[in-house]
Full PDB file with SEQRES, HELIX, SHEET, SSBOND, CRYST1, ORIGX, SCALE, CONECT and MASTER records, all heavy atoms in Angstrom:
SEQRES   1 A   46  SER GLY CYS LYS LYS ASN SER TYR ASP ALA PRO GLY CYS          
SEQRES   2 A   46  ILE GLU ASP LYS ILE ASP ALA PHE LYS VAL SER VAL VAL          
SEQRES   3 A   46  CYS ASP HIS GLY ALA TYR VAL ALA LEU TYR SER PHE ASN          
SEQRES   4 A   46  ASP LYS ASP VAL TYR VAL PHE                                  
HELIX    1 AA1 GLY A   12  SER A   24  1                                  13    
SHEET    1 AA1 2 ALA A  34  PHE A  38  0                                        
SHEET    2 AA1 2 LYS A  41  VAL A  45 -1                                        
CRYST1    1.000    1.000    1.000  90.00  90.00  90.00 P 1           1          
ORIGX1      1.000000  0.000000  0.000000        0.00000                         
ORIGX2      0.000000  1.000000  0.000000        0.00000                         
ORIGX3      0.000000  0.000000  1.000000        0.00000                         
SCALE1      1.000000  0.000000  0.000000        0.00000                         
SCALE2      0.000000  1.000000  0.000000        0.00000                         
SCALE3      0.000000  0.000000  1.000000        0.00000                         
ATOM      1  N   SER A   1      84.775  23.849 109.553  1.00  0.00           N  
ATOM      2  CA  SER A   1      85.094  25.118 108.921  1.00  0.00           C  
ATOM      3  C   SER A   1      84.736  25.157 107.439  1.00  0.00           C  
ATOM      4  O   SER A   1      84.997  26.145 106.782  1.00  0.00           O  
ATOM      5  CB  SER A   1      86.584  25.424 109.076  1.00  0.00           C  
ATOM      6  OG  SER A   1      87.328  24.449 108.381  1.00  0.00           O  
ATOM      7  N   GLY A   2      84.130  24.109 106.935  1.00  0.00           N  
ATOM      8  CA  GLY A   2      83.807  24.052 105.520  1.00  0.00           C  
ATOM      9  C   GLY A   2      82.703  25.014 105.148  1.00  0.00           C  
ATOM     10  O   GLY A   2      82.352  25.924 105.882  1.00  0.00           O  
ATOM     11  N   CYS A   3      82.147  24.825 103.992  1.00  0.00           N  
ATOM     12  CA  CYS A   3      81.103  25.713 103.500  1.00  0.00           C  
ATOM     13  C   CYS A   3      79.935  25.741 104.471  1.00  0.00           C  
ATOM     14  O   CYS A   3      79.450  24.706 104.888  1.00  0.00           O  
ATOM     15  CB  CYS A   3      80.608  25.236 102.138  1.00  0.00           C  
ATOM     16  SG  CYS A   3      81.880  25.254 100.879  1.00  0.00           S  
ATOM     17  N   LYS A   4      79.517  26.949 104.791  1.00  0.00           N  
ATOM     18  CA  LYS A   4      78.384  27.058 105.695  1.00  0.00           C  
ATOM     19  C   LYS A   4      77.098  26.991 104.896  1.00  0.00           C  
ATOM     20  O   LYS A   4      77.010  27.475 103.772  1.00  0.00           O  
ATOM     21  CB  LYS A   4      78.450  28.351 106.492  1.00  0.00           C  
ATOM     22  CG  LYS A   4      78.329  29.582 105.662  1.00  0.00           C  
ATOM     23  CD  LYS A   4      78.353  30.812 106.508  1.00  0.00           C  
ATOM     24  CE  LYS A   4      78.316  31.978 105.542  1.00  0.00           C  
ATOM     25  NZ  LYS A   4      77.720  33.116 105.877  1.00  0.00           N  
ATOM     26  N   LYS A   5      76.110  26.396 105.466  1.00  0.00           N  
ATOM     27  CA  LYS A   5      74.798  26.306 104.841  1.00  0.00           C  
ATOM     28  C   LYS A   5      73.872  27.248 105.566  1.00  0.00           C  
ATOM     29  O   LYS A   5      73.706  27.180 106.767  1.00  0.00           O  
ATOM     30  CB  LYS A   5      74.276  24.865 104.926  1.00  0.00           C  
ATOM     31  CG  LYS A   5      72.867  24.695 104.442  1.00  0.00           C  
ATOM     32  CD  LYS A   5      72.755  24.929 102.964  1.00  0.00           C  
ATOM     33  CE  LYS A   5      71.324  24.669 102.518  1.00  0.00           C  
ATOM     34  NZ  LYS A   5      70.861  25.596 101.548  1.00  0.00           N  
ATOM     35  N   ASN A   6      73.293  28.183 104.829  1.00  0.00           N  
ATOM     36  CA  ASN A   6      72.335  29.095 105.427  1.00  0.00           C  
ATOM     37  C   ASN A   6      70.981  28.415 105.519  1.00  0.00           C  
ATOM     38  O   ASN A   6      70.687  27.487 104.785  1.00  0.00           O  
ATOM     39  CB  ASN A   6      72.219  30.366 104.581  1.00  0.00           C  
ATOM     40  CG  ASN A   6      73.502  31.146 104.597  1.00  0.00           C  
ATOM     41  OD1 ASN A   6      74.121  31.286 105.636  1.00  0.00           O  
ATOM     42  ND2 ASN A   6      73.920  31.639 103.456  1.00  0.00           N  
ATOM     43  N   SER A   7      70.154  28.908 106.380  1.00  0.00           N  
ATOM     44  CA  SER A   7      68.830  28.317 106.547  1.00  0.00           C  
ATOM     45  C   SER A   7      67.758  29.290 106.074  1.00  0.00           C  
ATOM     46  O   SER A   7      66.724  29.417 106.690  1.00  0.00           O  
ATOM     47  CB  SER A   7      68.615  27.948 108.008  1.00  0.00           C  
ATOM     48  OG  SER A   7      68.730  29.105 108.813  1.00  0.00           O  
ATOM     49  N   TYR A   8      68.030  29.993 104.978  1.00  0.00           N  
ATOM     50  CA  TYR A   8      67.072  30.968 104.463  1.00  0.00           C  
ATOM     51  C   TYR A   8      65.927  30.313 103.722  1.00  0.00           C  
ATOM     52  O   TYR A   8      64.938  30.955 103.434  1.00  0.00           O  
ATOM     53  CB  TYR A   8      67.761  31.956 103.525  1.00  0.00           C  
ATOM     54  CG  TYR A   8      68.895  32.729 104.134  1.00  0.00           C  
ATOM     55  CD1 TYR A   8      70.095  32.848 103.469  1.00  0.00           C  
ATOM     56  CD2 TYR A   8      68.767  33.347 105.363  1.00  0.00           C  
ATOM     57  CE1 TYR A   8      71.140  33.567 104.013  1.00  0.00           C  
ATOM     58  CE2 TYR A   8      69.811  34.059 105.910  1.00  0.00           C  
ATOM     59  CZ  TYR A   8      70.993  34.165 105.225  1.00  0.00           C  
ATOM     60  OH  TYR A   8      72.021  34.878 105.771  1.00  0.00           O  
ATOM     61  N   ASP A   9      66.054  29.053 103.354  1.00  0.00           N  
ATOM     62  CA  ASP A   9      65.040  28.373 102.567  1.00  0.00           C  
ATOM     63  C   ASP A   9      64.771  29.154 101.280  1.00  0.00           C  
ATOM     64  O   ASP A   9      63.639  29.508 100.974  1.00  0.00           O  
ATOM     65  CB  ASP A   9      63.768  28.189 103.397  1.00  0.00           C  
ATOM     66  CG  ASP A   9      62.785  27.235 102.732  1.00  0.00           C  
ATOM     67  OD1 ASP A   9      63.233  26.387 101.934  1.00  0.00           O  
ATOM     68  OD2 ASP A   9      61.576  27.362 102.990  1.00  0.00           O  
ATOM     69  N   ALA A  10      65.840  29.461 100.572  1.00  0.00           N  
ATOM     70  CA  ALA A  10      65.767  30.234  99.336  1.00  0.00           C  
ATOM     71  C   ALA A  10      66.784  29.664  98.357  1.00  0.00           C  
ATOM     72  O   ALA A  10      67.716  28.980  98.763  1.00  0.00           O  
ATOM     73  CB  ALA A  10      66.064  31.701  99.625  1.00  0.00           C  
ATOM     74  N   PRO A  11      66.604  29.952  97.060  1.00  0.00           N  
ATOM     75  CA  PRO A  11      67.600  29.487  96.082  1.00  0.00           C  
ATOM     76  C   PRO A  11      68.990  30.022  96.420  1.00  0.00           C  
ATOM     77  O   PRO A  11      69.132  31.074  97.047  1.00  0.00           O  
ATOM     78  CB  PRO A  11      67.098  30.093  94.760  1.00  0.00           C  
ATOM     79  CG  PRO A  11      65.653  30.360  94.980  1.00  0.00           C  
ATOM     80  CD  PRO A  11      65.505  30.670  96.440  1.00  0.00           C  
ATOM     81  N   GLY A  12      70.011  29.302  95.984  1.00  0.00           N  
ATOM     82  CA  GLY A  12      71.398  29.656  96.300  1.00  0.00           C  
ATOM     83  C   GLY A  12      71.779  31.077  95.942  1.00  0.00           C  
ATOM     84  O   GLY A  12      72.435  31.768  96.714  1.00  0.00           O  
ATOM     85  N   CYS A  13      71.353  31.545  94.778  1.00  0.00           N  
ATOM     86  CA  CYS A  13      71.729  32.907  94.378  1.00  0.00           C  
ATOM     87  C   CYS A  13      71.041  33.936  95.272  1.00  0.00           C  
ATOM     88  O   CYS A  13      71.613  34.986  95.571  1.00  0.00           O  
ATOM     89  CB  CYS A  13      71.415  33.164  92.916  1.00  0.00           C  
ATOM     90  SG  CYS A  13      69.669  33.120  92.469  1.00  0.00           S  
ATOM     91  N   ILE A  14      69.847  33.650  95.742  1.00  0.00           N  
ATOM     92  CA  ILE A  14      69.155  34.550  96.673  1.00  0.00           C  
ATOM     93  C   ILE A  14      69.857  34.517  98.026  1.00  0.00           C  
ATOM     94  O   ILE A  14      70.018  35.556  98.675  1.00  0.00           O  
ATOM     95  CB  ILE A  14      67.656  34.196  96.798  1.00  0.00           C  
ATOM     96  CG1 ILE A  14      66.922  34.434  95.466  1.00  0.00           C  
ATOM     97  CG2 ILE A  14      66.998  34.968  97.937  1.00  0.00           C  
ATOM     98  CD1 ILE A  14      66.837  35.881  95.023  1.00  0.00           C  
ATOM     99  N   GLU A  15      70.296  33.343  98.454  1.00  0.00           N  
ATOM    100  CA  GLU A  15      71.063  33.254  99.703  1.00  0.00           C  
ATOM    101  C   GLU A  15      72.309  34.125  99.623  1.00  0.00           C  
ATOM    102  O   GLU A  15      72.640  34.834 100.573  1.00  0.00           O  
ATOM    103  CB  GLU A  15      71.440  31.806 100.004  1.00  0.00           C  
ATOM    104  CG  GLU A  15      70.284  30.972 100.475  1.00  0.00           C  
ATOM    105  CD  GLU A  15      70.706  29.608 100.973  1.00  0.00           C  
ATOM    106  OE1 GLU A  15      71.910  29.276 100.923  1.00  0.00           O  
ATOM    107  OE2 GLU A  15      69.831  28.880 101.439  1.00  0.00           O  
ATOM    108  N   ASP A  16      72.995  34.100  98.477  1.00  0.00           N  
ATOM    109  CA  ASP A  16      74.181  34.942  98.294  1.00  0.00           C  
ATOM    110  C   ASP A  16      73.816  36.423  98.376  1.00  0.00           C  
ATOM    111  O   ASP A  16      74.519  37.218  98.984  1.00  0.00           O  
ATOM    112  CB  ASP A  16      74.855  34.642  96.956  1.00  0.00           C  
ATOM    113  CG  ASP A  16      75.449  33.246  96.892  1.00  0.00           C  
ATOM    114  OD1 ASP A  16      75.655  32.628  97.970  1.00  0.00           O  
ATOM    115  OD2 ASP A  16      75.711  32.769  95.772  1.00  0.00           O  
ATOM    116  N   LYS A  17      72.698  36.793  97.760  1.00  0.00           N  
ATOM    117  CA  LYS A  17      72.243  38.187  97.812  1.00  0.00           C  
ATOM    118  C   LYS A  17      71.880  38.585  99.246  1.00  0.00           C  
ATOM    119  O   LYS A  17      72.137  39.710  99.657  1.00  0.00           O  
ATOM    120  CB  LYS A  17      71.052  38.401  96.880  1.00  0.00           C  
ATOM    121  CG  LYS A  17      71.436  38.414  95.420  1.00  0.00           C  
ATOM    122  CD  LYS A  17      70.349  39.022  94.580  1.00  0.00           C  
ATOM    123  CE  LYS A  17      70.784  39.114  93.146  1.00  0.00           C  
ATOM    124  NZ  LYS A  17      71.951  39.940  92.921  1.00  0.00           N  
ATOM    125  N   ILE A  18      71.281  37.682 100.002  1.00  0.00           N  
ATOM    126  CA  ILE A  18      70.938  37.973 101.397  1.00  0.00           C  
ATOM    127  C   ILE A  18      72.209  38.214 102.203  1.00  0.00           C  
ATOM    128  O   ILE A  18      72.278  39.164 102.988  1.00  0.00           O  
ATOM    129  CB  ILE A  18      70.091  36.845 102.019  1.00  0.00           C  
ATOM    130  CG1 ILE A  18      68.711  36.784 101.357  1.00  0.00           C  
ATOM    131  CG2 ILE A  18      69.945  37.047 103.527  1.00  0.00           C  
ATOM    132  CD1 ILE A  18      67.888  35.567 101.728  1.00  0.00           C  
ATOM    133  N   ASP A  19      73.209  37.364 102.013  1.00  0.00           N  
ATOM    134  CA  ASP A  19      74.471  37.543 102.738  1.00  0.00           C  
ATOM    135  C   ASP A  19      75.090  38.907 102.422  1.00  0.00           C  
ATOM    136  O   ASP A  19      75.565  39.603 103.315  1.00  0.00           O  
ATOM    137  CB  ASP A  19      75.455  36.420 102.396  1.00  0.00           C  
ATOM    138  CG  ASP A  19      75.066  35.089 103.020  1.00  0.00           C  
ATOM    139  OD1 ASP A  19      74.313  35.095 104.016  1.00  0.00           O  
ATOM    140  OD2 ASP A  19      75.505  34.045 102.506  1.00  0.00           O  
ATOM    141  N   ALA A  20      75.086  39.304 101.162  1.00  0.00           N  
ATOM    142  CA  ALA A  20      75.626  40.606 100.774  1.00  0.00           C  
ATOM    143  C   ALA A  20      74.754  41.737 101.328  1.00  0.00           C  
ATOM    144  O   ALA A  20      75.266  42.759 101.785  1.00  0.00           O  
ATOM    145  CB  ALA A  20      75.722  40.701  99.258  1.00  0.00           C  
ATOM    146  N   PHE A  21      73.443  41.560 101.306  1.00  0.00           N  
ATOM    147  CA  PHE A  21      72.499  42.560 101.798  1.00  0.00           C  
ATOM    148  C   PHE A  21      72.698  42.802 103.291  1.00  0.00           C  
ATOM    149  O   PHE A  21      72.705  43.948 103.749  1.00  0.00           O  
ATOM    150  CB  PHE A  21      71.077  42.081 101.504  1.00  0.00           C  
ATOM    151  CG  PHE A  21      69.983  43.025 101.902  1.00  0.00           C  
ATOM    152  CD1 PHE A  21      69.805  44.221 101.238  1.00  0.00           C  
ATOM    153  CD2 PHE A  21      69.112  42.701 102.927  1.00  0.00           C  
ATOM    154  CE1 PHE A  21      68.769  45.083 101.589  1.00  0.00           C  
ATOM    155  CE2 PHE A  21      68.086  43.547 103.283  1.00  0.00           C  
ATOM    156  CZ  PHE A  21      67.916  44.752 102.611  1.00  0.00           C  
ATOM    157  N   LYS A  22      72.887  41.735 104.044  1.00  0.00           N  
ATOM    158  CA  LYS A  22      73.086  41.858 105.493  1.00  0.00           C  
ATOM    159  C   LYS A  22      74.286  42.747 105.814  1.00  0.00           C  
ATOM    160  O   LYS A  22      74.254  43.505 106.775  1.00  0.00           O  
ATOM    161  CB  LYS A  22      73.301  40.468 106.114  1.00  0.00           C  
ATOM    162  CG  LYS A  22      72.052  39.645 106.194  1.00  0.00           C  
ATOM    163  CD  LYS A  22      72.299  38.192 106.523  1.00  0.00           C  
ATOM    164  CE  LYS A  22      73.139  37.926 107.714  1.00  0.00           C  
ATOM    165  NZ  LYS A  22      73.264  36.496 108.037  1.00  0.00           N  
ATOM    166  N   VAL A  23      75.316  42.666 105.019  1.00  0.00           N  
ATOM    167  CA  VAL A  23      76.531  43.445 105.246  1.00  0.00           C  
ATOM    168  C   VAL A  23      76.338  44.904 104.838  1.00  0.00           C  
ATOM    169  O   VAL A  23      76.888  45.811 105.455  1.00  0.00           O  
ATOM    170  CB  VAL A  23      77.713  42.821 104.464  1.00  0.00           C  
ATOM    171  CG1 VAL A  23      78.941  43.688 104.530  1.00  0.00           C  
ATOM    172  CG2 VAL A  23      78.011  41.431 104.977  1.00  0.00           C  
ATOM    173  N   SER A  24      75.521  45.147 103.820  1.00  0.00           N  
ATOM    174  CA  SER A  24      75.389  46.495 103.267  1.00  0.00           C  
ATOM    175  C   SER A  24      74.219  47.298 103.841  1.00  0.00           C  
ATOM    176  O   SER A  24      74.108  48.494 103.561  1.00  0.00           O  
ATOM    177  CB  SER A  24      75.238  46.418 101.749  1.00  0.00           C  
ATOM    178  OG  SER A  24      74.003  45.819 101.405  1.00  0.00           O  
ATOM    179  N   VAL A  25      73.352  46.677 104.628  1.00  0.00           N  
ATOM    180  CA  VAL A  25      72.178  47.376 105.162  1.00  0.00           C  
ATOM    181  C   VAL A  25      72.613  48.547 106.034  1.00  0.00           C  
ATOM    182  O   VAL A  25      73.486  48.422 106.884  1.00  0.00           O  
ATOM    183  CB  VAL A  25      71.299  46.394 105.972  1.00  0.00           C  
ATOM    184  CG1 VAL A  25      70.327  47.113 106.874  1.00  0.00           C  
ATOM    185  CG2 VAL A  25      70.550  45.475 105.051  1.00  0.00           C  
ATOM    186  N   VAL A  26      71.999  49.702 105.807  1.00  0.00           N  
ATOM    187  CA  VAL A  26      72.328  50.925 106.530  1.00  0.00           C  
ATOM    188  C   VAL A  26      71.551  51.013 107.849  1.00  0.00           C  
ATOM    189  O   VAL A  26      72.090  51.446 108.863  1.00  0.00           O  
ATOM    190  CB  VAL A  26      72.011  52.162 105.648  1.00  0.00           C  
ATOM    191  CG1 VAL A  26      72.250  53.451 106.401  1.00  0.00           C  
ATOM    192  CG2 VAL A  26      72.825  52.109 104.374  1.00  0.00           C  
ATOM    193  N   CYS A  27      70.298  50.629 107.836  1.00  0.00           N  
ATOM    194  CA  CYS A  27      69.438  50.758 109.019  1.00  0.00           C  
ATOM    195  C   CYS A  27      69.758  49.690 110.066  1.00  0.00           C  
ATOM    196  O   CYS A  27      70.001  48.530 109.718  1.00  0.00           O  
ATOM    197  CB  CYS A  27      67.971  50.637 108.624  1.00  0.00           C  
ATOM    198  SG  CYS A  27      67.422  51.921 107.495  1.00  0.00           S  
ATOM    199  N   ASP A  28      69.730  50.096 111.316  1.00  0.00           N  
ATOM    200  CA  ASP A  28      69.997  49.173 112.421  1.00  0.00           C  
ATOM    201  C   ASP A  28      68.851  48.195 112.645  1.00  0.00           C  
ATOM    202  O   ASP A  28      69.050  47.135 113.230  1.00  0.00           O  
ATOM    203  CB  ASP A  28      70.238  49.949 113.718  1.00  0.00           C  
ATOM    204  CG  ASP A  28      71.536  50.729 113.687  1.00  0.00           C  
ATOM    205  OD1 ASP A  28      72.449  50.334 112.940  1.00  0.00           O  
ATOM    206  OD2 ASP A  28      71.631  51.729 114.415  1.00  0.00           O  
ATOM    207  N   HIS A  29      67.649  48.567 112.230  1.00  0.00           N  
ATOM    208  CA  HIS A  29      66.506  47.672 112.349  1.00  0.00           C  
ATOM    209  C   HIS A  29      65.494  48.016 111.252  1.00  0.00           C  
ATOM    210  O   HIS A  29      65.573  49.061 110.629  1.00  0.00           O  
ATOM    211  CB  HIS A  29      65.862  47.774 113.733  1.00  0.00           C  
ATOM    212  CG  HIS A  29      65.299  49.127 114.029  1.00  0.00           C  
ATOM    213  ND1 HIS A  29      66.082  50.196 114.378  1.00  0.00           N  
ATOM    214  CD2 HIS A  29      64.029  49.584 113.990  1.00  0.00           C  
ATOM    215  CE1 HIS A  29      65.321  51.254 114.553  1.00  0.00           C  
ATOM    216  NE2 HIS A  29      64.069  50.921 114.320  1.00  0.00           N  
ATOM    217  N   GLY A  30      64.580  47.108 111.026  1.00  0.00           N  
ATOM    218  CA  GLY A  30      63.540  47.333 110.031  1.00  0.00           C  
ATOM    219  C   GLY A  30      63.851  46.819 108.641  1.00  0.00           C  
ATOM    220  O   GLY A  30      62.967  46.777 107.790  1.00  0.00           O  
ATOM    221  N   ALA A  31      65.074  46.416 108.393  1.00  0.00           N  
ATOM    222  CA  ALA A  31      65.405  45.846 107.089  1.00  0.00           C  
ATOM    223  C   ALA A  31      64.987  44.376 107.081  1.00  0.00           C  
ATOM    224  O   ALA A  31      65.012  43.714 108.117  1.00  0.00           O  
ATOM    225  CB  ALA A  31      66.895  45.974 106.814  1.00  0.00           C  
ATOM    226  N   TYR A  32      64.583  43.899 105.901  1.00  0.00           N  
ATOM    227  CA  TYR A  32      64.191  42.499 105.807  1.00  0.00           C  
ATOM    228  C   TYR A  32      64.238  42.010 104.369  1.00  0.00           C  
ATOM    229  O   TYR A  32      64.306  42.801 103.427  1.00  0.00           O  
ATOM    230  CB  TYR A  32      62.794  42.257 106.391  1.00  0.00           C  
ATOM    231  CG  TYR A  32      61.668  42.977 105.678  1.00  0.00           C  
ATOM    232  CD1 TYR A  32      61.092  42.454 104.529  1.00  0.00           C  
ATOM    233  CD2 TYR A  32      61.174  44.175 106.167  1.00  0.00           C  
ATOM    234  CE1 TYR A  32      60.059  43.104 103.878  1.00  0.00           C  
ATOM    235  CE2 TYR A  32      60.141  44.838 105.530  1.00  0.00           C  
ATOM    236  CZ  TYR A  32      59.589  44.291 104.383  1.00  0.00           C  
ATOM    237  OH  TYR A  32      58.568  44.949 103.741  1.00  0.00           O  
ATOM    238  N   VAL A  33      64.193  40.698 104.232  1.00  0.00           N  
ATOM    239  CA  VAL A  33      64.018  40.036 102.944  1.00  0.00           C  
ATOM    240  C   VAL A  33      62.774  39.180 103.086  1.00  0.00           C  
ATOM    241  O   VAL A  33      62.639  38.422 104.053  1.00  0.00           O  
ATOM    242  CB  VAL A  33      65.226  39.159 102.568  1.00  0.00           C  
ATOM    243  CG1 VAL A  33      64.980  38.443 101.247  1.00  0.00           C  
ATOM    244  CG2 VAL A  33      66.504  39.983 102.507  1.00  0.00           C  
ATOM    245  N   ALA A  34      61.854  39.333 102.141  1.00  0.00           N  
ATOM    246  CA  ALA A  34      60.592  38.598 102.213  1.00  0.00           C  
ATOM    247  C   ALA A  34      60.310  37.895 100.895  1.00  0.00           C  
ATOM    248  O   ALA A  34      60.689  38.374  99.823  1.00  0.00           O  
ATOM    249  CB  ALA A  34      59.445  39.537 102.556  1.00  0.00           C  
ATOM    250  N   LEU A  35      59.634  36.781 101.012  1.00  0.00           N  
ATOM    251  CA  LEU A  35      59.201  36.008  99.851  1.00  0.00           C  
ATOM    252  C   LEU A  35      57.745  36.354  99.568  1.00  0.00           C  
ATOM    253  O   LEU A  35      56.906  36.348 100.480  1.00  0.00           O  
ATOM    254  CB  LEU A  35      59.352  34.513 100.143  1.00  0.00           C  
ATOM    255  CG  LEU A  35      58.743  33.536  99.143  1.00  0.00           C  
ATOM    256  CD1 LEU A  35      59.394  33.671  97.772  1.00  0.00           C  
ATOM    257  CD2 LEU A  35      58.874  32.111  99.667  1.00  0.00           C  
ATOM    258  N   TYR A  36      57.461  36.668  98.315  1.00  0.00           N  
ATOM    259  CA  TYR A  36      56.103  36.945  97.847  1.00  0.00           C  
ATOM    260  C   TYR A  36      55.812  36.075  96.638  1.00  0.00           C  
ATOM    261  O   TYR A  36      56.730  35.629  95.943  1.00  0.00           O  
ATOM    262  CB  TYR A  36      55.959  38.402  97.399  1.00  0.00           C  
ATOM    263  CG  TYR A  36      55.863  39.417  98.492  1.00  0.00           C  
ATOM    264  CD1 TYR A  36      57.000  39.899  99.124  1.00  0.00           C  
ATOM    265  CD2 TYR A  36      54.632  39.936  98.875  1.00  0.00           C  
ATOM    266  CE1 TYR A  36      56.922  40.857 100.117  1.00  0.00           C  
ATOM    267  CE2 TYR A  36      54.540  40.904  99.865  1.00  0.00           C  
ATOM    268  CZ  TYR A  36      55.681  41.352 100.482  1.00  0.00           C  
ATOM    269  OH  TYR A  36      55.589  42.302 101.461  1.00  0.00           O  
ATOM    270  N   SER A  37      54.546  35.884  96.355  1.00  0.00           N  
ATOM    271  CA  SER A  37      54.119  35.321  95.090  1.00  0.00           C  
ATOM    272  C   SER A  37      53.601  36.495  94.271  1.00  0.00           C  
ATOM    273  O   SER A  37      52.713  37.235  94.717  1.00  0.00           O  
ATOM    274  CB  SER A  37      53.015  34.289  95.304  1.00  0.00           C  
ATOM    275  OG  SER A  37      52.569  33.802  94.052  1.00  0.00           O  
ATOM    276  N   PHE A  38      54.164  36.694  93.089  1.00  0.00           N  
ATOM    277  CA  PHE A  38      53.799  37.817  92.234  1.00  0.00           C  
ATOM    278  C   PHE A  38      53.711  37.314  90.802  1.00  0.00           C  
ATOM    279  O   PHE A  38      54.664  36.745  90.287  1.00  0.00           O  
ATOM    280  CB  PHE A  38      54.850  38.930  92.362  1.00  0.00           C  
ATOM    281  CG  PHE A  38      54.620  40.127  91.506  1.00  0.00           C  
ATOM    282  CD1 PHE A  38      53.527  40.955  91.716  1.00  0.00           C  
ATOM    283  CD2 PHE A  38      55.502  40.449  90.493  1.00  0.00           C  
ATOM    284  CE1 PHE A  38      53.321  42.078  90.931  1.00  0.00           C  
ATOM    285  CE2 PHE A  38      55.317  41.567  89.704  1.00  0.00           C  
ATOM    286  CZ  PHE A  38      54.216  42.377  89.924  1.00  0.00           C  
ATOM    287  N   ASN A  39      52.568  37.505  90.173  1.00  0.00           N  
ATOM    288  CA  ASN A  39      52.330  36.970  88.821  1.00  0.00           C  
ATOM    289  C   ASN A  39      52.608  35.475  88.766  1.00  0.00           C  
ATOM    290  O   ASN A  39      53.235  34.971  87.832  1.00  0.00           O  
ATOM    291  CB  ASN A  39      53.168  37.716  87.780  1.00  0.00           C  
ATOM    292  CG  ASN A  39      52.696  39.128  87.572  1.00  0.00           C  
ATOM    293  OD1 ASN A  39      51.559  39.477  87.899  1.00  0.00           O  
ATOM    294  ND2 ASN A  39      53.563  39.966  87.038  1.00  0.00           N  
ATOM    295  N   ASP A  40      52.160  34.769  89.799  1.00  0.00           N  
ATOM    296  CA  ASP A  40      52.302  33.306  89.904  1.00  0.00           C  
ATOM    297  C   ASP A  40      53.749  32.824  89.962  1.00  0.00           C  
ATOM    298  O   ASP A  40      54.041  31.684  89.618  1.00  0.00           O  
ATOM    299  CB  ASP A  40      51.570  32.595  88.764  1.00  0.00           C  
ATOM    300  CG  ASP A  40      50.076  32.829  88.807  1.00  0.00           C  
ATOM    301  OD1 ASP A  40      49.519  32.871  89.924  1.00  0.00           O  
ATOM    302  OD2 ASP A  40      49.468  32.986  87.729  1.00  0.00           O  
ATOM    303  N   LYS A  41      54.671  33.700  90.386  1.00  0.00           N  
ATOM    304  CA  LYS A  41      56.074  33.314  90.549  1.00  0.00           C  
ATOM    305  C   LYS A  41      56.577  33.800  91.896  1.00  0.00           C  
ATOM    306  O   LYS A  41      56.104  34.805  92.423  1.00  0.00           O  
ATOM    307  CB  LYS A  41      56.927  33.910  89.426  1.00  0.00           C  
ATOM    308  CG  LYS A  41      56.551  33.356  88.073  1.00  0.00           C  
ATOM    309  CD  LYS A  41      57.415  33.909  86.991  1.00  0.00           C  
ATOM    310  CE  LYS A  41      56.962  33.283  85.687  1.00  0.00           C  
ATOM    311  NZ  LYS A  41      57.379  34.017  84.548  1.00  0.00           N  
ATOM    312  N   ASP A  42      57.559  33.089  92.436  1.00  0.00           N  
ATOM    313  CA  ASP A  42      58.194  33.527  93.674  1.00  0.00           C  
ATOM    314  C   ASP A  42      59.105  34.705  93.384  1.00  0.00           C  
ATOM    315  O   ASP A  42      59.888  34.673  92.426  1.00  0.00           O  
ATOM    316  CB  ASP A  42      59.027  32.405  94.292  1.00  0.00           C  
ATOM    317  CG  ASP A  42      58.175  31.311  94.901  1.00  0.00           C  
ATOM    318  OD1 ASP A  42      56.961  31.524  95.100  1.00  0.00           O  
ATOM    319  OD2 ASP A  42      58.733  30.238  95.194  1.00  0.00           O  
ATOM    320  N   VAL A  43      58.985  35.753  94.201  1.00  0.00           N  
ATOM    321  CA  VAL A  43      59.892  36.892  94.114  1.00  0.00           C  
ATOM    322  C   VAL A  43      60.370  37.227  95.517  1.00  0.00           C  
ATOM    323  O   VAL A  43      59.698  36.937  96.513  1.00  0.00           O  
ATOM    324  CB  VAL A  43      59.247  38.136  93.453  1.00  0.00           C  
ATOM    325  CG1 VAL A  43      58.828  37.831  92.021  1.00  0.00           C  
ATOM    326  CG2 VAL A  43      58.089  38.663  94.258  1.00  0.00           C  
ATOM    327  N   TYR A  44      61.531  37.842  95.593  1.00  0.00           N  
ATOM    328  CA  TYR A  44      62.150  38.185  96.865  1.00  0.00           C  
ATOM    329  C   TYR A  44      62.303  39.691  96.949  1.00  0.00           C  
ATOM    330  O   TYR A  44      62.863  40.321  96.053  1.00  0.00           O  
ATOM    331  CB  TYR A  44      63.499  37.476  97.002  1.00  0.00           C  
ATOM    332  CG  TYR A  44      63.323  35.981  97.066  1.00  0.00           C  
ATOM    333  CD1 TYR A  44      63.202  35.222  95.907  1.00  0.00           C  
ATOM    334  CD2 TYR A  44      63.217  35.339  98.290  1.00  0.00           C  
ATOM    335  CE1 TYR A  44      63.000  33.854  95.970  1.00  0.00           C  
ATOM    336  CE2 TYR A  44      63.011  33.972  98.357  1.00  0.00           C  
ATOM    337  CZ  TYR A  44      62.897  33.240  97.201  1.00  0.00           C  
ATOM    338  OH  TYR A  44      62.687  31.894  97.265  1.00  0.00           O  
ATOM    339  N   VAL A  45      61.783  40.272  98.032  1.00  0.00           N  
ATOM    340  CA  VAL A  45      61.818  41.712  98.249  1.00  0.00           C  
ATOM    341  C   VAL A  45      62.863  42.006  99.318  1.00  0.00           C  
ATOM    342  O   VAL A  45      62.781  41.489 100.435  1.00  0.00           O  
ATOM    343  CB  VAL A  45      60.430  42.235  98.679  1.00  0.00           C  
ATOM    344  CG1 VAL A  45      60.490  43.714  99.023  1.00  0.00           C  
ATOM    345  CG2 VAL A  45      59.410  41.975  97.570  1.00  0.00           C  
ATOM    346  N   PHE A  46      63.845  42.819  98.966  1.00  0.00           N  
ATOM    347  CA  PHE A  46      64.928  43.221  99.861  1.00  0.00           C  
ATOM    348  C   PHE A  46      64.639  44.648 100.313  1.00  0.00           C  
ATOM    349  O   PHE A  46      64.958  45.601  99.610  1.00  0.00           O  
ATOM    350  CB  PHE A  46      66.273  43.150  99.130  1.00  0.00           C  
ATOM    351  CG  PHE A  46      66.750  41.753  98.841  1.00  0.00           C  
ATOM    352  CD1 PHE A  46      66.125  40.963  97.889  1.00  0.00           C  
ATOM    353  CD2 PHE A  46      67.837  41.234  99.525  1.00  0.00           C  
ATOM    354  CE1 PHE A  46      66.573  39.679  97.624  1.00  0.00           C  
ATOM    355  CE2 PHE A  46      68.290  39.953  99.272  1.00  0.00           C  
ATOM    356  CZ  PHE A  46      67.654  39.169  98.318  1.00  0.00           C  
TER     357      PHE A  46                                                      
MASTER        0    0    0    1    2    0    0    6  356    1    0    4          
END                                                                             
């Protein structure tokens, strides 16, 4: 029952945002979180 580890393969703060996003998403399907490289840096699109 301890801390759960997500398997998002993302930084911890992004994992937290994903968990919050999953709860707040309005659409039943089509929502996603994706990793992109933008200006030579990793960015996450919600």
